Protein backbone atom coordinates (compact mmCIF):
# COMPACT_ATOMS: atom_id res chain seq x y z
CA MET A 1 35.02 49.48 -36.67
CA ARG A 2 37.86 46.99 -36.96
CA MET A 3 36.71 45.19 -33.81
CA ARG A 4 33.13 45.05 -35.07
CA ARG A 5 34.27 43.64 -38.41
CA LEU A 6 36.42 41.08 -36.60
CA LEU A 7 33.51 39.93 -34.43
CA THR A 8 31.18 39.79 -37.42
CA GLY A 9 33.69 37.78 -39.37
CA THR A 10 34.26 35.39 -36.48
CA ALA A 11 30.52 34.84 -36.00
CA ALA A 12 30.10 34.15 -39.72
CA LEU A 13 32.96 31.66 -39.67
CA LEU A 14 31.52 29.89 -36.57
CA LEU A 15 28.07 29.67 -38.13
CA SER A 16 29.53 28.32 -41.36
CA SER A 17 31.54 25.71 -39.43
CA LEU A 18 28.49 24.58 -37.44
CA LEU A 19 26.38 24.25 -40.57
CA SER A 20 29.09 22.32 -42.38
CA GLY A 21 29.54 19.92 -39.45
CA CYS A 22 33.18 20.69 -38.68
CA LEU A 23 32.88 21.46 -34.93
CA PHE A 24 31.24 18.40 -33.38
CA THR A 25 31.92 14.76 -32.65
CA THR A 26 29.45 11.94 -32.22
CA ARG A 27 29.49 9.55 -29.24
CA ARG A 28 27.24 6.68 -28.30
CA LEU A 29 25.03 6.99 -25.25
CA PRO A 30 23.88 3.97 -23.23
CA VAL A 31 20.41 2.93 -24.32
CA PRO A 32 18.23 1.98 -21.33
CA LYS A 33 16.63 -1.44 -21.65
CA PRO A 34 12.90 -1.72 -20.87
CA PRO A 35 11.54 -4.70 -18.92
CA GLN A 36 10.18 -7.64 -20.87
CA THR A 37 6.74 -7.16 -19.32
CA VAL A 38 4.92 -3.90 -18.53
CA GLN A 39 1.52 -4.40 -16.91
CA THR A 40 -1.32 -1.92 -17.06
CA LEU A 41 -3.98 -1.35 -14.42
CA THR A 42 -6.56 1.31 -13.75
CA PRO A 43 -6.16 3.28 -10.49
CA ASP A 44 -9.05 1.35 -8.93
CA GLN A 45 -7.49 -1.97 -9.93
CA LEU A 46 -4.11 -0.97 -8.48
CA VAL A 47 -5.70 -0.01 -5.15
CA ALA A 48 -7.76 -3.22 -5.13
CA LYS A 49 -4.57 -5.25 -5.67
CA LEU A 50 -2.88 -3.48 -2.76
CA ASN A 51 -5.92 -3.99 -0.51
CA ASP A 52 -6.16 -7.67 -1.43
CA ARG A 53 -2.49 -8.21 -0.53
CA TRP A 54 -2.98 -6.44 2.80
CA ASP A 55 -6.23 -8.30 3.60
CA ALA A 56 -4.63 -11.68 2.85
CA LEU A 57 -1.87 -11.09 5.42
CA LYS A 58 -2.74 -11.98 9.02
CA THR A 59 0.68 -12.57 10.60
CA LEU A 60 4.34 -12.30 9.66
CA ASN A 61 7.40 -14.05 11.11
CA ALA A 62 10.73 -12.75 9.78
CA THR A 63 14.40 -13.45 10.52
CA VAL A 64 16.62 -10.50 9.60
CA GLU A 65 20.04 -8.91 9.97
CA ILE A 66 19.68 -5.37 11.33
CA GLN A 67 22.05 -2.48 10.62
CA ALA A 68 21.32 0.87 12.31
CA SER A 69 22.94 4.22 11.56
CA VAL A 70 22.60 7.61 13.25
CA LEU A 71 23.31 10.75 11.22
CA ASN A 72 24.46 14.21 12.25
CA SER A 73 23.93 16.47 9.24
CA LYS A 74 25.23 19.57 11.01
CA GLU A 75 28.64 17.98 11.66
CA GLY A 76 28.56 15.84 8.52
CA VAL A 77 29.15 12.53 10.31
CA ALA A 78 27.35 9.20 10.65
CA LYS A 79 27.60 6.53 13.34
CA ASP A 80 27.08 2.95 12.15
CA TYR A 81 26.19 0.35 14.77
CA THR A 82 27.35 -3.26 14.58
CA THR A 83 25.03 -5.47 12.55
CA PHE A 84 23.03 -7.90 14.68
CA ARG A 85 20.51 -10.66 14.16
CA GLY A 86 16.83 -9.99 14.72
CA HIS A 87 13.49 -11.79 14.79
CA ILE A 88 10.29 -9.92 14.02
CA LEU A 89 6.75 -11.13 14.73
CA MET A 90 3.69 -9.22 13.53
CA ARG A 91 -0.01 -9.82 13.93
CA LYS A 92 -2.73 -7.53 12.67
CA PRO A 93 -4.07 -5.09 13.53
CA GLY A 94 -0.96 -3.78 15.34
CA MET A 95 0.83 -6.37 17.50
CA LEU A 96 4.61 -6.50 17.13
CA ARG A 97 7.57 -8.28 18.72
CA VAL A 98 11.20 -7.51 17.84
CA LEU A 99 14.04 -9.53 19.38
CA GLY A 100 17.65 -8.45 18.86
CA GLN A 101 20.57 -10.78 19.58
CA VAL A 102 24.22 -10.04 20.38
CA PRO A 103 26.43 -10.90 17.37
CA VAL A 104 28.23 -14.28 17.60
CA LEU A 105 27.13 -14.95 21.19
CA GLY A 106 23.42 -15.20 20.36
CA MET A 107 22.41 -13.61 23.67
CA THR A 108 19.41 -11.29 23.84
CA MET A 109 20.39 -7.67 23.21
CA PHE A 110 16.87 -6.30 23.53
CA ASP A 111 13.30 -7.53 23.44
CA MET A 112 10.45 -5.22 22.39
CA ALA A 113 6.75 -6.02 22.34
CA SER A 114 3.73 -3.91 21.45
CA ASP A 115 -0.04 -4.40 21.47
CA GLY A 116 -0.48 -1.60 18.95
CA LYS A 117 -0.99 1.13 21.56
CA THR A 118 1.77 0.71 24.14
CA PHE A 119 5.11 -1.09 24.16
CA ASN A 120 7.70 -2.61 26.51
CA LEU A 121 11.40 -2.64 25.66
CA TYR A 122 13.50 -4.97 27.83
CA ILE A 123 17.31 -4.56 27.86
CA PRO A 124 18.82 -7.52 29.81
CA SER A 125 22.38 -6.14 29.97
CA ARG A 126 21.12 -3.03 31.78
CA LYS A 127 18.46 -4.90 33.77
CA LYS A 128 16.00 -2.30 32.59
CA VAL A 129 12.62 -2.16 30.88
CA VAL A 130 11.36 0.92 29.04
CA LYS A 131 7.61 1.45 28.70
CA GLY A 132 5.71 3.97 26.62
CA GLU A 133 3.05 4.69 24.05
CA ASN A 134 3.48 3.79 20.40
CA THR A 135 2.97 7.42 19.46
CA LEU A 136 6.07 9.53 20.09
CA LYS A 137 5.15 12.63 22.11
CA LYS A 138 8.52 13.90 23.29
CA LYS A 139 11.68 13.34 21.29
CA SER A 140 14.90 12.18 22.89
CA ILE A 141 18.27 13.72 22.03
CA HIS A 142 19.39 10.12 21.36
CA GLN A 143 17.85 9.40 17.95
CA VAL A 144 17.59 5.62 18.29
CA GLU A 145 15.44 6.05 21.43
CA ASN A 146 12.82 7.71 19.21
CA LEU A 147 12.21 4.48 17.29
CA ARG A 148 8.69 3.19 17.93
CA PRO A 149 7.02 -0.14 17.10
CA GLY A 150 4.60 1.52 14.68
CA THR A 151 7.51 2.51 12.45
CA PHE A 152 8.54 -1.14 12.08
CA PHE A 153 4.96 -2.27 11.52
CA ASP A 154 4.24 0.32 8.82
CA ALA A 155 7.53 -0.40 7.07
CA MET A 156 7.47 -4.20 7.05
CA VAL A 157 4.17 -4.42 5.16
CA VAL A 158 2.45 -1.83 2.97
CA ARG A 159 -1.01 -1.33 4.41
CA GLY A 160 -4.17 -1.17 2.36
CA LEU A 161 -6.15 2.07 2.14
CA GLU A 162 -8.54 3.29 4.81
CA PRO A 163 -12.20 4.05 3.93
CA ASP A 164 -11.66 7.83 4.30
CA ASN A 165 -8.56 7.88 2.09
CA LEU A 166 -8.57 9.66 -1.26
CA TYR A 167 -6.05 8.74 -3.93
CA SER A 168 -4.62 9.46 -7.35
CA VAL A 169 -2.33 7.42 -9.60
CA THR A 170 0.23 8.72 -12.08
CA ALA A 171 2.48 6.81 -14.48
CA ASP A 172 6.21 7.53 -14.42
CA THR A 173 9.48 5.99 -15.60
CA ASP A 174 12.70 5.71 -13.63
CA THR A 175 16.18 4.74 -14.84
CA MET A 176 18.29 2.32 -12.83
CA VAL A 177 21.88 1.16 -13.26
CA ASP A 178 22.42 -2.60 -13.35
CA ALA A 179 25.98 -2.76 -12.02
CA SER A 180 26.39 -6.50 -12.62
CA LYS A 181 25.50 -6.30 -16.32
CA LYS A 182 26.76 -2.74 -16.79
CA HIS A 183 23.72 -1.32 -18.51
CA LEU A 184 20.78 0.94 -17.77
CA LEU A 185 17.29 -0.31 -17.05
CA LEU A 186 14.04 1.53 -17.70
CA ILE A 187 11.62 1.04 -14.81
CA PRO A 188 8.01 1.97 -15.67
CA GLU A 189 6.19 2.85 -12.45
CA TYR A 190 2.84 3.68 -10.97
CA VAL A 191 2.89 6.34 -8.24
CA LEU A 192 -0.04 6.04 -5.83
CA SER A 193 -0.63 9.21 -3.77
CA VAL A 194 -2.86 8.64 -0.73
CA MET A 195 -4.49 11.67 0.89
CA ARG A 196 -7.02 12.53 3.56
CA ARG A 197 -9.38 15.50 3.60
CA LYS A 198 -8.80 17.80 6.58
CA ALA A 199 -11.73 18.31 8.94
CA ASP A 200 -14.08 21.16 7.93
CA SER A 201 -11.91 21.93 4.91
CA ASN A 202 -11.42 21.08 1.25
CA GLU A 203 -7.66 20.88 1.83
CA LEU A 204 -6.08 17.48 1.29
CA ALA A 205 -3.33 16.27 3.63
CA PRO A 206 -0.74 13.75 2.37
CA VAL A 207 -0.80 10.35 4.05
CA ARG A 208 1.43 8.13 1.91
CA VAL A 209 3.04 7.89 -1.51
CA ILE A 210 3.65 4.36 -2.79
CA VAL A 211 5.69 3.51 -5.90
CA PHE A 212 4.96 0.27 -7.78
CA HIS A 213 7.11 -1.26 -10.53
CA ARG A 214 4.92 -2.17 -13.46
CA ASP A 215 6.71 -5.40 -14.34
CA ASP A 216 5.45 -7.14 -11.19
CA LEU A 217 3.09 -4.47 -9.70
CA LEU A 218 4.81 -4.75 -6.30
CA PRO A 219 5.63 -1.76 -4.06
CA TYR A 220 9.29 -0.68 -4.07
CA LYS A 221 9.07 2.59 -2.18
CA GLN A 222 6.79 4.10 0.42
CA ASP A 223 6.85 7.61 1.91
CA LEU A 224 4.76 8.22 5.04
CA TYR A 225 3.77 11.69 6.28
CA ASP A 226 2.90 12.96 9.76
CA GLY A 227 -0.19 14.98 10.70
CA ASN A 228 1.55 18.23 9.74
CA GLY A 229 2.39 17.05 6.23
CA ASN A 230 6.09 16.44 6.98
CA LEU A 231 7.85 13.46 5.43
CA GLU A 232 8.22 11.24 8.49
CA THR A 233 9.40 7.87 7.16
CA GLU A 234 10.97 6.77 3.88
CA VAL A 235 10.94 3.05 3.14
CA THR A 236 12.57 1.35 0.16
CA TYR A 237 12.04 -2.31 -0.65
CA GLY A 238 14.90 -4.17 -2.33
CA ARG A 239 14.68 -7.05 -4.76
CA TYR A 240 11.75 -9.36 -4.03
CA ALA A 241 12.54 -13.01 -3.39
CA ASP A 242 10.45 -16.15 -3.02
CA PHE A 243 10.68 -17.29 0.60
CA GLY A 244 8.22 -20.14 0.05
CA GLY A 245 4.53 -19.48 -0.25
CA GLY A 246 4.94 -15.85 -1.28
CA VAL A 247 7.37 -13.13 -2.30
CA TYR A 248 8.88 -10.55 0.05
CA PRO A 249 11.59 -7.84 -0.24
CA SER A 250 15.10 -9.13 0.44
CA VAL A 251 16.10 -5.74 1.91
CA VAL A 252 13.93 -3.18 3.73
CA THR A 253 15.52 0.22 4.34
CA ILE A 254 13.79 2.53 6.84
CA ARG A 255 14.85 6.20 6.97
CA ARG A 256 13.58 8.79 9.42
CA PRO A 257 14.76 12.12 7.92
CA LEU A 258 13.44 14.35 10.73
CA GLU A 259 15.22 12.31 13.41
CA GLU A 260 18.23 11.45 11.23
CA TYR A 261 18.52 7.72 11.67
CA GLN A 262 18.30 4.74 9.37
CA VAL A 263 17.61 1.03 9.88
CA ILE A 264 18.37 -1.56 7.21
CA LEU A 265 16.81 -5.02 7.46
CA HIS A 266 18.43 -7.79 5.41
CA VAL A 267 15.70 -10.43 5.25
CA GLU A 268 16.79 -14.04 5.58
CA LYS A 269 13.49 -15.83 6.15
CA VAL A 270 9.79 -14.93 6.06
CA VAL A 271 6.75 -17.00 6.99
CA GLU A 272 3.30 -15.51 6.48
CA ASN A 273 0.04 -16.39 8.23
CA MET A 274 1.40 -18.83 10.79
CA ASP A 275 -0.46 -19.08 14.10
CA LEU A 276 0.85 -16.56 16.63
CA THR A 277 -0.59 -16.50 20.14
CA GLU A 278 -1.06 -13.60 22.57
CA ASP A 279 1.76 -14.97 24.74
CA GLN A 280 4.23 -14.54 21.90
CA PHE A 281 3.70 -10.79 22.16
CA ARG A 282 4.38 -10.59 25.89
CA ILE A 283 7.77 -10.06 27.51
CA LYS A 284 8.70 -11.86 30.73
CA VAL A 285 10.59 -9.32 32.81
CA PRO A 286 12.53 -10.63 35.86
CA ASP A 287 11.62 -9.28 39.30
CA GLY A 288 13.69 -6.34 40.43
CA THR A 289 14.13 -4.95 36.91
CA GLU A 290 14.35 -1.15 36.71
CA VAL A 291 11.33 0.41 34.96
CA GLN A 292 11.54 3.63 32.94
CA GLN A 293 8.30 5.23 31.80
CA LEU A 294 8.59 7.37 28.67
CA GLU A 295 6.43 10.45 28.21
């Protein structure tokens, strides 16, 4: 009885204190700042804007700094490779050339070219050329060897939608920390989910999810899924900059969660729609070079 009276008395005292305002303090929370401009589009208008941007692009010539990392989640370690300079050429519908140069020396580290279906990767220091299909069929235990030209192509530019694609658009808001000004930013977004109907089924398979910021209606994130619905590639696009004649992300981060590697491209220069010939997508391999055919 005494214990029950004690508990009852304590509860009454606590309730009285809460109601009278004796047991709390007030602190200020950071108030997120919204952008000055928030644009509004219908889903059809958003898709049309994306398609127009994709249709207007014919070629791309970019100079970048490339940083690659390989992860080992089981052991909790990451291996970061030395940053090197790279040059990327693209021509629709799927031609790609990536040239990597040895830091400081400027010598060719590797040279990769693709016609959209197959690729050649020339490594001068090893006097070796690797050939294979753009589609990865058998994974290597060395994660970086699983990188294919299509991954670069899909990451560098956000494609328009295909005729058989279905889509939905939702509005969302993200919060971002502005470290330089030490305040929070509200980022209103549109999230475009692209799907494809499976054959002989009403089931929808995910193809891509693209996030647009509503201040400039440009894509800042893109998730790409494989045929089994697994998240295959995550791409984030850093601050857009004017490189003359058009805007382009200053940083492109490509993550492959299933294969546990990451490639970061720091963009230094971009030229769109310059004339690129077939020869610029061919590699001249010296006679006597070892050839490795990938499965």
